[in-house]
């Protein structure tokens, strides 16, 4: 299959690599340039999103935020300019569910089909083709593109119609943020009380408190390895989506709001590009004590 892939950053580059390894022909474009390792593996660099779309049956976008998706799809020399009837646009970014449905309507008017398929699993999941992929699409379109998802992820769920994938991703980011906050508080309490947080983490990993967040992000908090990973500024964006969606539904997400404020505190201290596990630094400031030196 001829596949276009737009957005080749921390996540997009390994995801595109898996599709190349699967035998597909990839047409590639990224605002930071196409990595040499992808062209050396057979990927074809393109000058614009329109150029990518004109060569591709399926076009995948993997960019940071809602305005970025809109620009890639409908901006000057965007995907829309090169789209043909029957093409499928798959947006694997994490963006607004409301905007997603608007973008889908615009693509459908051009004769294309649309899938929203945001992912979870971070850089490690992308590199290991082990992403969780949350899909919003019609049943027929999902079945057409599922084999592509199987090359990039392991837990692939057709959540519902267009936009459902993005709603699911917002829910995912709430759970992740609140778990990071809980792990940070627990390890900080242990450390402040004079107990080795590494030993506490080890003990908790064998019980009901065990989680991926405790395993991976807890270790980062102890070892002070806060290079992304997944940047705080991106998680802030996702929680903004959660909070704005909640406002639109007339409901409250009080702990999500608290997690966002802790991320905001990190940003105020220059941490926008820290890994989101560094939320613990805001808690450490409040306690005047680090989890580990």
C-alpha atoms as a PDB file:
ATOM      1  CA  UNK A   1       0.000   0.000   0.000  1.00  0.00           C
ATOM      2  CA  UNK A   2       1.110   3.573  -0.643  1.00  0.00           C
ATOM      3  CA  UNK A   3       0.948   5.376   2.684  1.00  0.00           C
ATOM      4  CA  UNK A   4       1.581   9.010   3.508  1.00  0.00           C
ATOM      5  CA  UNK A   5       2.965   9.826   6.939  1.00  0.00           C
ATOM      6  CA  UNK A   6       3.112  13.428   8.156  1.00  0.00           C
ATOM      7  CA  UNK A   7       4.777  14.219  11.474  1.00  0.00           C
ATOM      8  CA  UNK A   8       7.997  12.348  12.199  1.00  0.00           C
ATOM      9  CA  UNK A   9       8.905  13.369  15.727  1.00  0.00           C
ATOM     10  CA  UNK A  10       9.522  11.272  18.840  1.00  0.00           C
ATOM     11  CA  UNK A  11       6.431   9.158  18.150  1.00  0.00           C
ATOM     12  CA  UNK A  12       5.932   9.462  14.412  1.00  0.00           C
ATOM     13  CA  UNK A  13       9.414   8.391  13.344  1.00  0.00           C
ATOM     14  CA  UNK A  14       9.326   4.883  14.852  1.00  0.00           C
ATOM     15  CA  UNK A  15       5.691   4.422  13.859  1.00  0.00           C
ATOM     16  CA  UNK A  16       6.551   5.190  10.232  1.00  0.00           C
ATOM     17  CA  UNK A  17       9.537   2.875  10.505  1.00  0.00           C
ATOM     18  CA  UNK A  18       7.299  -0.059  11.437  1.00  0.00           C
ATOM     19  CA  UNK A  19       5.142   0.533   8.360  1.00  0.00           C
ATOM     20  CA  UNK A  20       8.256   0.623   6.167  1.00  0.00           C
ATOM     21  CA  UNK A  21       9.448  -2.611   7.729  1.00  0.00           C
ATOM     22  CA  UNK A  22       6.050  -4.088   6.947  1.00  0.00           C
ATOM     23  CA  UNK A  23       6.660  -3.636   3.222  1.00  0.00           C
ATOM     24  CA  UNK A  24       4.577  -0.540   2.548  1.00  0.00           C
ATOM     25  CA  UNK A  25       5.741   2.374   0.403  1.00  0.00           C
ATOM     26  CA  UNK A  26       5.827   5.525   2.510  1.00  0.00           C
ATOM     27  CA  UNK A  27       5.667   9.151   1.362  1.00  0.00           C
ATOM     28  CA  UNK A  28       6.969  11.302   4.190  1.00  0.00           C
ATOM     29  CA  UNK A  29       6.827  14.912   5.307  1.00  0.00           C
ATOM     30  CA  UNK A  30       7.620  16.676   8.581  1.00  0.00           C
ATOM     31  CA  UNK A  31       8.169  20.300   9.522  1.00  0.00           C
ATOM     32  CA  UNK A  32      11.498  19.308  11.093  1.00  0.00           C
ATOM     33  CA  UNK A  33      12.560  17.412   7.975  1.00  0.00           C
ATOM     34  CA  UNK A  34      12.442  13.728   7.106  1.00  0.00           C
ATOM     35  CA  UNK A  35      14.969  11.697   9.144  1.00  0.00           C
ATOM     36  CA  UNK A  36      17.736  10.108   7.085  1.00  0.00           C
ATOM     37  CA  UNK A  37      17.132   6.699   8.605  1.00  0.00           C
ATOM     38  CA  UNK A  38      13.626   6.615   7.111  1.00  0.00           C
ATOM     39  CA  UNK A  39      14.769   7.574   3.605  1.00  0.00           C
ATOM     40  CA  UNK A  40      17.615   5.085   3.862  1.00  0.00           C
ATOM     41  CA  UNK A  41      15.007   2.427   4.698  1.00  0.00           C
ATOM     42  CA  UNK A  42      13.094   3.290   1.507  1.00  0.00           C
ATOM     43  CA  UNK A  43      10.834   6.143   2.563  1.00  0.00           C
ATOM     44  CA  UNK A  44      10.273   8.929   0.037  1.00  0.00           C
ATOM     45  CA  UNK A  45      10.612  12.517   1.269  1.00  0.00           C
ATOM     46  CA  UNK A  46       8.002  14.976  -0.014  1.00  0.00           C
ATOM     47  CA  UNK A  47       7.997  18.768  -0.083  1.00  0.00           C
ATOM     48  CA  UNK A  48       4.443  19.265   1.154  1.00  0.00           C
ATOM     49  CA  UNK A  49       1.433  17.538   2.662  1.00  0.00           C
ATOM     50  CA  UNK A  50      -0.342  17.924  -0.688  1.00  0.00           C
ATOM     51  CA  UNK A  51       2.503  16.033  -2.367  1.00  0.00           C
ATOM     52  CA  UNK A  52       2.214  13.279   0.232  1.00  0.00           C
ATOM     53  CA  UNK A  53      -1.532  12.967  -0.317  1.00  0.00           C
ATOM     54  CA  UNK A  54      -1.259  12.914  -4.113  1.00  0.00           C
ATOM     55  CA  UNK A  55       0.831   9.714  -3.939  1.00  0.00           C
ATOM     56  CA  UNK A  56      -1.003   7.929  -1.127  1.00  0.00           C
ATOM     57  CA  UNK A  57      -4.072   5.776  -0.567  1.00  0.00           C
ATOM     58  CA  UNK A  58      -3.945   6.338   3.187  1.00  0.00           C
ATOM     59  CA  UNK A  59      -2.545   9.494   4.811  1.00  0.00           C
ATOM     60  CA  UNK A  60      -1.528   9.380   8.486  1.00  0.00           C
ATOM     61  CA  UNK A  61      -0.957  12.520  10.541  1.00  0.00           C
ATOM     62  CA  UNK A  62       0.935  12.511  13.838  1.00  0.00           C
ATOM     63  CA  UNK A  63       1.392  16.126  14.960  1.00  0.00           C
ATOM     64  CA  UNK A  64       1.170  17.925  18.334  1.00  0.00           C
ATOM     65  CA  UNK A  65      -2.164  19.764  18.548  1.00  0.00           C
ATOM     66  CA  UNK A  66      -5.501  20.653  16.961  1.00  0.00           C
ATOM     67  CA  UNK A  67      -4.237  23.717  15.020  1.00  0.00           C
ATOM     68  CA  UNK A  68      -1.359  21.624  13.648  1.00  0.00           C
ATOM     69  CA  UNK A  69      -3.762  19.017  12.290  1.00  0.00           C
ATOM     70  CA  UNK A  70      -5.940  21.699  10.733  1.00  0.00           C
ATOM     71  CA  UNK A  71      -2.922  23.305   9.062  1.00  0.00           C
ATOM     72  CA  UNK A  72      -1.625  19.986   7.734  1.00  0.00           C
ATOM     73  CA  UNK A  73      -5.022  19.012   6.372  1.00  0.00           C
ATOM     74  CA  UNK A  74      -6.469  22.277   5.111  1.00  0.00           C
ATOM     75  CA  UNK A  75      -3.668  24.859   5.039  1.00  0.00           C
ATOM     76  CA  UNK A  76      -1.700  25.965   1.995  1.00  0.00           C
ATOM     77  CA  UNK A  77      -0.425  22.866   0.152  1.00  0.00           C
ATOM     78  CA  UNK A  78      -2.204  20.742   2.737  1.00  0.00           C
ATOM     79  CA  UNK A  79      -3.543  17.220   2.425  1.00  0.00           C
ATOM     80  CA  UNK A  80      -6.852  18.489   1.034  1.00  0.00           C
ATOM     81  CA  UNK A  81      -5.071  19.894  -2.023  1.00  0.00           C
ATOM     82  CA  UNK A  82      -3.775  16.446  -2.972  1.00  0.00           C
ATOM     83  CA  UNK A  83      -6.649  14.276  -1.770  1.00  0.00           C
ATOM     84  CA  UNK A  84      -8.455  11.939  -4.149  1.00  0.00           C
ATOM     85  CA  UNK A  85     -11.861  10.323  -3.765  1.00  0.00           C
ATOM     86  CA  UNK A  86     -11.557   7.128  -1.774  1.00  0.00           C
ATOM     87  CA  UNK A  87      -8.464   8.186   0.161  1.00  0.00           C
ATOM     88  CA  UNK A  88      -8.476   7.592   3.916  1.00  0.00           C
ATOM     89  CA  UNK A  89      -7.105  10.191   6.333  1.00  0.00           C
ATOM     90  CA  UNK A  90      -6.020   8.773   9.700  1.00  0.00           C
ATOM     91  CA  UNK A  91      -5.225  11.298  12.402  1.00  0.00           C
ATOM     92  CA  UNK A  92      -3.181   9.677  15.174  1.00  0.00           C
ATOM     93  CA  UNK A  93      -2.557  12.955  16.997  1.00  0.00           C
ATOM     94  CA  UNK A  94      -4.302  13.783  20.288  1.00  0.00           C
ATOM     95  CA  UNK A  95      -6.669  16.659  19.568  1.00  0.00           C
ATOM     96  CA  UNK A  96     -10.136  18.072  20.252  1.00  0.00           C
ATOM     97  CA  UNK A  97     -12.993  15.585  19.725  1.00  0.00           C
ATOM     98  CA  UNK A  98     -15.199  18.434  18.476  1.00  0.00           C
ATOM     99  CA  UNK A  99     -12.630  19.604  15.932  1.00  0.00           C
ATOM    100  CA  UNK A 100     -12.075  15.995  14.883  1.00  0.00           C
ATOM    101  CA  UNK A 101     -15.704  15.674  13.803  1.00  0.00           C
ATOM    102  CA  UNK A 102     -15.467  18.974  11.915  1.00  0.00           C
ATOM    103  CA  UNK A 103     -12.301  17.836  10.101  1.00  0.00           C
ATOM    104  CA  UNK A 104     -13.978  14.542   9.219  1.00  0.00           C
ATOM    105  CA  UNK A 105     -16.942  16.357   7.674  1.00  0.00           C
ATOM    106  CA  UNK A 106     -14.602  18.491   5.541  1.00  0.00           C
ATOM    107  CA  UNK A 107     -12.632  15.452   4.360  1.00  0.00           C
ATOM    108  CA  UNK A 108     -15.849  13.588   3.504  1.00  0.00           C
ATOM    109  CA  UNK A 109     -17.024  16.525   1.364  1.00  0.00           C
ATOM    110  CA  UNK A 110     -13.813  16.049  -0.644  1.00  0.00           C
ATOM    111  CA  UNK A 111     -14.626  12.369  -1.210  1.00  0.00           C
ATOM    112  CA  UNK A 112     -12.300  10.962   1.418  1.00  0.00           C
ATOM    113  CA  UNK A 113     -12.875   8.995   4.598  1.00  0.00           C
ATOM    114  CA  UNK A 114     -11.621   9.824   8.081  1.00  0.00           C
ATOM    115  CA  UNK A 115     -10.365   7.928  11.098  1.00  0.00           C
ATOM    116  CA  UNK A 116      -9.288   9.319  14.458  1.00  0.00           C
ATOM    117  CA  UNK A 117      -6.816   6.993  16.145  1.00  0.00           C
ATOM    118  CA  UNK A 118      -4.892   8.640  18.991  1.00  0.00           C
ATOM    119  CA  UNK A 119      -2.330   6.518  20.793  1.00  0.00           C
ATOM    120  CA  UNK A 120      -0.950   5.861  24.260  1.00  0.00           C
ATOM    121  CA  UNK A 121       2.301   4.237  25.238  1.00  0.00           C
ATOM    122  CA  UNK A 122       4.798   7.007  24.670  1.00  0.00           C
ATOM    123  CA  UNK A 123       8.171   6.765  22.995  1.00  0.00           C
ATOM    124  CA  UNK A 124       8.802   3.266  24.353  1.00  0.00           C
ATOM    125  CA  UNK A 125       5.504   1.975  22.987  1.00  0.00           C
ATOM    126  CA  UNK A 126       6.135   3.613  19.609  1.00  0.00           C
ATOM    127  CA  UNK A 127       9.600   2.095  19.298  1.00  0.00           C
ATOM    128  CA  UNK A 128       8.401  -1.360  20.337  1.00  0.00           C
ATOM    129  CA  UNK A 129       5.257  -1.336  18.154  1.00  0.00           C
ATOM    130  CA  UNK A 130       3.327  -1.771  21.395  1.00  0.00           C
ATOM    131  CA  UNK A 131       1.074   1.302  21.347  1.00  0.00           C
ATOM    132  CA  UNK A 132      -2.492   1.338  22.584  1.00  0.00           C
ATOM    133  CA  UNK A 133      -4.569   2.694  19.699  1.00  0.00           C
ATOM    134  CA  UNK A 134      -8.067   4.112  20.311  1.00  0.00           C
ATOM    135  CA  UNK A 135     -10.054   4.281  17.093  1.00  0.00           C
ATOM    136  CA  UNK A 136     -13.042   6.308  15.994  1.00  0.00           C
ATOM    137  CA  UNK A 137     -14.347   5.221  12.582  1.00  0.00           C
ATOM    138  CA  UNK A 138     -17.086   3.378  10.766  1.00  0.00           C
ATOM    139  CA  UNK A 139     -16.830  -0.396  11.059  1.00  0.00           C
ATOM    140  CA  UNK A 140     -15.947  -0.834   7.372  1.00  0.00           C
ATOM    141  CA  UNK A 141     -13.185   1.758   7.432  1.00  0.00           C
ATOM    142  CA  UNK A 142     -11.777   0.366  10.673  1.00  0.00           C
ATOM    143  CA  UNK A 143     -11.442  -3.077   9.115  1.00  0.00           C
ATOM    144  CA  UNK A 144      -9.597  -1.594   6.126  1.00  0.00           C
ATOM    145  CA  UNK A 145      -6.955   0.143   8.229  1.00  0.00           C
ATOM    146  CA  UNK A 146      -6.691  -2.288  11.143  1.00  0.00           C
ATOM    147  CA  UNK A 147      -3.736  -4.162   9.567  1.00  0.00           C
ATOM    148  CA  UNK A 148      -1.768  -0.881   9.603  1.00  0.00           C
ATOM    149  CA  UNK A 149      -2.538  -0.348  13.280  1.00  0.00           C
ATOM    150  CA  UNK A 150      -1.388  -3.897  14.024  1.00  0.00           C
ATOM    151  CA  UNK A 151       2.078  -2.956  12.758  1.00  0.00           C
ATOM    152  CA  UNK A 152       2.295  -0.066  15.229  1.00  0.00           C
ATOM    153  CA  UNK A 153       0.414  -1.267  18.299  1.00  0.00           C
ATOM    154  CA  UNK A 154      -0.804  -4.204  20.337  1.00  0.00           C
ATOM    155  CA  UNK A 155      -3.976  -3.019  22.065  1.00  0.00           C
ATOM    156  CA  UNK A 156      -6.220  -1.786  19.256  1.00  0.00           C
ATOM    157  CA  UNK A 157      -9.812  -0.909  20.129  1.00  0.00           C
ATOM    158  CA  UNK A 158     -12.573   0.318  17.837  1.00  0.00           C
ATOM    159  CA  UNK A 159     -14.177   2.599  20.432  1.00  0.00           C
ATOM    160  CA  UNK A 160     -16.974   3.972  18.267  1.00  0.00           C
ATOM    161  CA  UNK A 161     -17.750   6.409  15.470  1.00  0.00           C
ATOM    162  CA  UNK A 162     -15.583   9.364  14.462  1.00  0.00           C
ATOM    163  CA  UNK A 163     -14.454  11.345  17.506  1.00  0.00           C
ATOM    164  CA  UNK A 164     -14.793   8.429  19.916  1.00  0.00           C
ATOM    165  CA  UNK A 165     -11.078   7.720  19.739  1.00  0.00           C
ATOM    166  CA  UNK A 166     -10.246  11.259  20.822  1.00  0.00           C
ATOM    167  CA  UNK A 167     -12.725  11.103  23.716  1.00  0.00           C
ATOM    168  CA  UNK A 168     -11.084   7.863  24.822  1.00  0.00           C
ATOM    169  CA  UNK A 169      -7.624   9.457  24.633  1.00  0.00           C
ATOM    170  CA  UNK A 170      -8.776  12.379  26.784  1.00  0.00           C
ATOM    171  CA  UNK A 171     -10.015   9.853  29.362  1.00  0.00           C
ATOM    172  CA  UNK A 172      -6.673   8.051  29.140  1.00  0.00           C
ATOM    173  CA  UNK A 173      -4.751  11.247  29.843  1.00  0.00           C
ATOM    174  CA  UNK A 174      -6.858  11.957  32.913  1.00  0.00           C
ATOM    175  CA  UNK A 175      -6.035   8.513  34.309  1.00  0.00           C
ATOM    176  CA  UNK A 176      -2.319   8.890  33.520  1.00  0.00           C
ATOM    177  CA  UNK A 177      -2.032  12.369  35.039  1.00  0.00           C
ATOM    178  CA  UNK A 178      -3.806  11.404  38.261  1.00  0.00           C
ATOM    179  CA  UNK A 179      -1.703   8.255  38.583  1.00  0.00           C
ATOM    180  CA  UNK A 180       1.498  10.264  38.157  1.00  0.00           C
ATOM    181  CA  UNK A 181       0.276  12.604  40.892  1.00  0.00           C
ATOM    182  CA  UNK A 182      -0.577   9.690  43.196  1.00  0.00           C
ATOM    183  CA  UNK A 183       2.776   7.964  42.671  1.00  0.00           C
ATOM    184  CA  UNK A 184       4.583  11.253  43.243  1.00  0.00           C
ATOM    185  CA  UNK A 185       2.746  11.871  46.529  1.00  0.00           C
ATOM    186  CA  UNK A 186       3.364   8.310  47.742  1.00  0.00           C
ATOM    187  CA  UNK A 187       7.094   8.289  47.011  1.00  0.00           C
ATOM    188  CA  UNK A 188       7.489  11.803  48.400  1.00  0.00           C
ATOM    189  CA  UNK A 189       5.748  10.810  51.644  1.00  0.00           C
ATOM    190  CA  UNK A 190       8.047   7.790  51.979  1.00  0.00           C
ATOM    191  CA  UNK A 191      11.155   9.861  51.390  1.00  0.00           C
ATOM    192  CA  UNK A 192      10.092  12.640  53.770  1.00  0.00           C
ATOM    193  CA  UNK A 193       9.455   9.980  56.447  1.00  0.00           C
ATOM    194  CA  UNK A 194      13.000   8.677  56.030  1.00  0.00           C
ATOM    195  CA  UNK A 195      12.099   5.501  54.140  1.00  0.00           C
ATOM    196  CA  UNK A 196      13.913   4.526  50.934  1.00  0.00           C
ATOM    197  CA  UNK A 197      11.480   5.382  48.079  1.00  0.00           C
ATOM    198  CA  UNK A 198      13.122   2.783  45.825  1.00  0.00           C
ATOM    199  CA  UNK A 199      12.298   0.067  48.371  1.00  0.00           C
ATOM    200  CA  UNK A 200       8.770   1.401  48.761  1.00  0.00           C
ATOM    201  CA  UNK A 201       8.287   1.310  44.993  1.00  0.00           C
ATOM    202  CA  UNK A 202       9.633  -2.251  44.912  1.00  0.00           C
ATOM    203  CA  UNK A 203       7.179  -3.340  47.598  1.00  0.00           C
ATOM    204  CA  UNK A 204       4.212  -1.605  45.974  1.00  0.00           C
ATOM    205  CA  UNK A 205       4.980  -3.237  42.610  1.00  0.00           C
ATOM    206  CA  UNK A 206       3.970  -6.562  44.166  1.00  0.00           C
ATOM    207  CA  UNK A 207       0.579  -5.425  45.382  1.00  0.00           C
ATOM    208  CA  UNK A 208      -2.699  -3.836  44.353  1.00  0.00           C
ATOM    209  CA  UNK A 209      -1.023  -0.436  43.861  1.00  0.00           C
ATOM    210  CA  UNK A 210       1.112  -1.815  41.048  1.00  0.00           C
ATOM    211  CA  UNK A 211       0.795   0.028  37.735  1.00  0.00           C
ATOM    212  CA  UNK A 212       2.764   1.007  34.651  1.00  0.00           C
ATOM    213  CA  UNK A 213       3.005   4.516  36.077  1.00  0.00           C
ATOM    214  CA  UNK A 214       4.545   3.215  39.301  1.00  0.00           C
ATOM    215  CA  UNK A 215       6.872   0.970  37.332  1.00  0.00           C
ATOM    216  CA  UNK A 216       8.141   3.449  34.733  1.00  0.00           C
ATOM    217  CA  UNK A 217       7.446   6.924  36.070  1.00  0.00           C
ATOM    218  CA  UNK A 218       8.144   6.003  39.666  1.00  0.00           C
ATOM    219  CA  UNK A 219      11.591   4.873  38.600  1.00  0.00           C
ATOM    220  CA  UNK A 220      12.113   8.163  36.757  1.00  0.00           C
ATOM    221  CA  UNK A 221      11.178  10.115  39.881  1.00  0.00           C
ATOM    222  CA  UNK A 222      13.740   8.170  41.920  1.00  0.00           C
ATOM    223  CA  UNK A 223      16.512   8.227  39.306  1.00  0.00           C
ATOM    224  CA  UNK A 224      15.748  11.868  38.311  1.00  0.00           C
ATOM    225  CA  UNK A 225      15.515  11.003  34.602  1.00  0.00           C
ATOM    226  CA  UNK A 226      13.098  13.622  33.319  1.00  0.00           C
ATOM    227  CA  UNK A 227      14.021  13.739  29.627  1.00  0.00           C
ATOM    228  CA  UNK A 228      10.938  12.986  27.489  1.00  0.00           C
ATOM    229  CA  UNK A 229       9.281  10.629  27.110  1.00  0.00           C
ATOM    230  CA  UNK A 230       6.121  12.628  26.912  1.00  0.00           C
ATOM    231  CA  UNK A 231       6.523  16.349  27.441  1.00  0.00           C
ATOM    232  CA  UNK A 232       4.605  18.199  30.142  1.00  0.00           C
ATOM    233  CA  UNK A 233       3.448  20.783  27.588  1.00  0.00           C
ATOM    234  CA  UNK A 234       1.718  18.022  25.597  1.00  0.00           C
ATOM    235  CA  UNK A 235       0.015  16.604  28.664  1.00  0.00           C
ATOM    236  CA  UNK A 236      -1.127  20.132  29.549  1.00  0.00           C
ATOM    237  CA  UNK A 237      -2.682  20.328  26.100  1.00  0.00           C
ATOM    238  CA  UNK A 238      -4.518  17.045  26.658  1.00  0.00           C
ATOM    239  CA  UNK A 239      -5.825  18.088  30.063  1.00  0.00           C
ATOM    240  CA  UNK A 240      -7.007  21.368  28.553  1.00  0.00           C
ATOM    241  CA  UNK A 241      -9.025  19.244  26.123  1.00  0.00           C
ATOM    242  CA  UNK A 242     -10.417  17.250  29.042  1.00  0.00           C
ATOM    243  CA  UNK A 243     -11.379  20.338  31.024  1.00  0.00           C
ATOM    244  CA  UNK A 244     -12.890  22.194  28.057  1.00  0.00           C
ATOM    245  CA  UNK A 245     -14.878  19.099  27.053  1.00  0.00           C
ATOM    246  CA  UNK A 246     -16.125  18.782  30.638  1.00  0.00           C
ATOM    247  CA  UNK A 247     -17.205  22.432  30.646  1.00  0.00           C
ATOM    248  CA  UNK A 248     -19.098  21.809  27.415  1.00  0.00           C
ATOM    249  CA  UNK A 249     -20.860  18.877  29.069  1.00  0.00           C
ATOM    250  CA  UNK A 250     -21.639  20.894  32.213  1.00  0.00           C
ATOM    251  CA  UNK A 251     -19.592  18.713  34.550  1.00  0.00           C
ATOM    252  CA  UNK A 252     -16.680  19.068  36.959  1.00  0.00           C
ATOM    253  CA  UNK A 253     -13.320  17.252  36.883  1.00  0.00           C
ATOM    254  CA  UNK A 254     -11.797  18.543  40.136  1.00  0.00           C
ATOM    255  CA  UNK A 255      -8.734  16.303  40.360  1.00  0.00           C
ATOM    256  CA  UNK A 256      -7.953  16.764  36.683  1.00  0.00           C
ATOM    257  CA  UNK A 257      -7.882  20.494  37.356  1.00  0.00           C
ATOM    258  CA  UNK A 258      -5.474  19.950  40.258  1.00  0.00           C
ATOM    259  CA  UNK A 259      -3.156  17.862  38.089  1.00  0.00           C
ATOM    260  CA  UNK A 260      -3.190  20.611  35.473  1.00  0.00           C
ATOM    261  CA  UNK A 261      -2.214  23.193  38.101  1.00  0.00           C
ATOM    262  CA  UNK A 262       0.760  21.034  39.108  1.00  0.00           C
ATOM    263  CA  UNK A 263       1.837  20.863  35.460  1.00  0.00           C
ATOM    264  CA  UNK A 264       1.401  24.637  35.267  1.00  0.00           C
ATOM    265  CA  UNK A 265       3.730  25.013  38.263  1.00  0.00           C
ATOM    266  CA  UNK A 266       6.338  22.888  36.485  1.00  0.00           C
ATOM    267  CA  UNK A 267       6.033  25.050  33.389  1.00  0.00           C
ATOM    268  CA  UNK A 268       6.532  28.175  35.514  1.00  0.00           C
ATOM    269  CA  UNK A 269       9.856  26.679  36.628  1.00  0.00           C
ATOM    270  CA  UNK A 270      10.989  26.078  33.030  1.00  0.00           C
ATOM    271  CA  UNK A 271       9.673  22.537  32.793  1.00  0.00           C
ATOM    272  CA  UNK A 272       7.401  22.616  29.744  1.00  0.00           C
ATOM    273  CA  UNK A 273       9.649  20.131  27.962  1.00  0.00           C
ATOM    274  CA  UNK A 274      10.318  17.880  30.960  1.00  0.00           C
ATOM    275  CA  UNK A 275       8.832  14.394  30.922  1.00  0.00           C
ATOM    276  CA  UNK A 276       5.406  14.410  32.567  1.00  0.00           C
ATOM    277  CA  UNK A 277       6.741  12.284  35.422  1.00  0.00           C
ATOM    278  CA  UNK A 278       8.456  15.512  36.524  1.00  0.00           C
ATOM    279  CA  UNK A 279       5.094  16.626  37.923  1.00  0.00           C
ATOM    280  CA  UNK A 280       6.668  15.319  41.115  1.00  0.00           C
ATOM    281  CA  UNK A 281       8.935  18.394  41.137  1.00  0.00           C
ATOM    282  CA  UNK A 282       5.919  20.602  41.850  1.00  0.00           C
ATOM    283  CA  UNK A 283       4.963  18.334  44.751  1.00  0.00           C
ATOM    284  CA  UNK A 284       8.565  18.422  45.999  1.00  0.00           C
ATOM    285  CA  UNK A 285       8.469  22.208  46.001  1.00  0.00           C
ATOM    286  CA  UNK A 286       5.306  22.167  48.137  1.00  0.00           C
ATOM    287  CA  UNK A 287       6.941  19.702  50.562  1.00  0.00           C
ATOM    288  CA  UNK A 288      10.350  21.407  50.476  1.00  0.00           C
ATOM    289  CA  UNK A 289      11.809  17.923  50.075  1.00  0.00           C
ATOM    290  CA  UNK A 290      12.924  15.815  47.062  1.00  0.00           C
ATOM    291  CA  UNK A 291      11.918  12.197  46.469  1.00  0.00           C
ATOM    292  CA  UNK A 292      15.605  11.507  45.851  1.00  0.00           C
ATOM    293  CA  UNK A 293      18.791  13.507  45.505  1.00  0.00           C
END
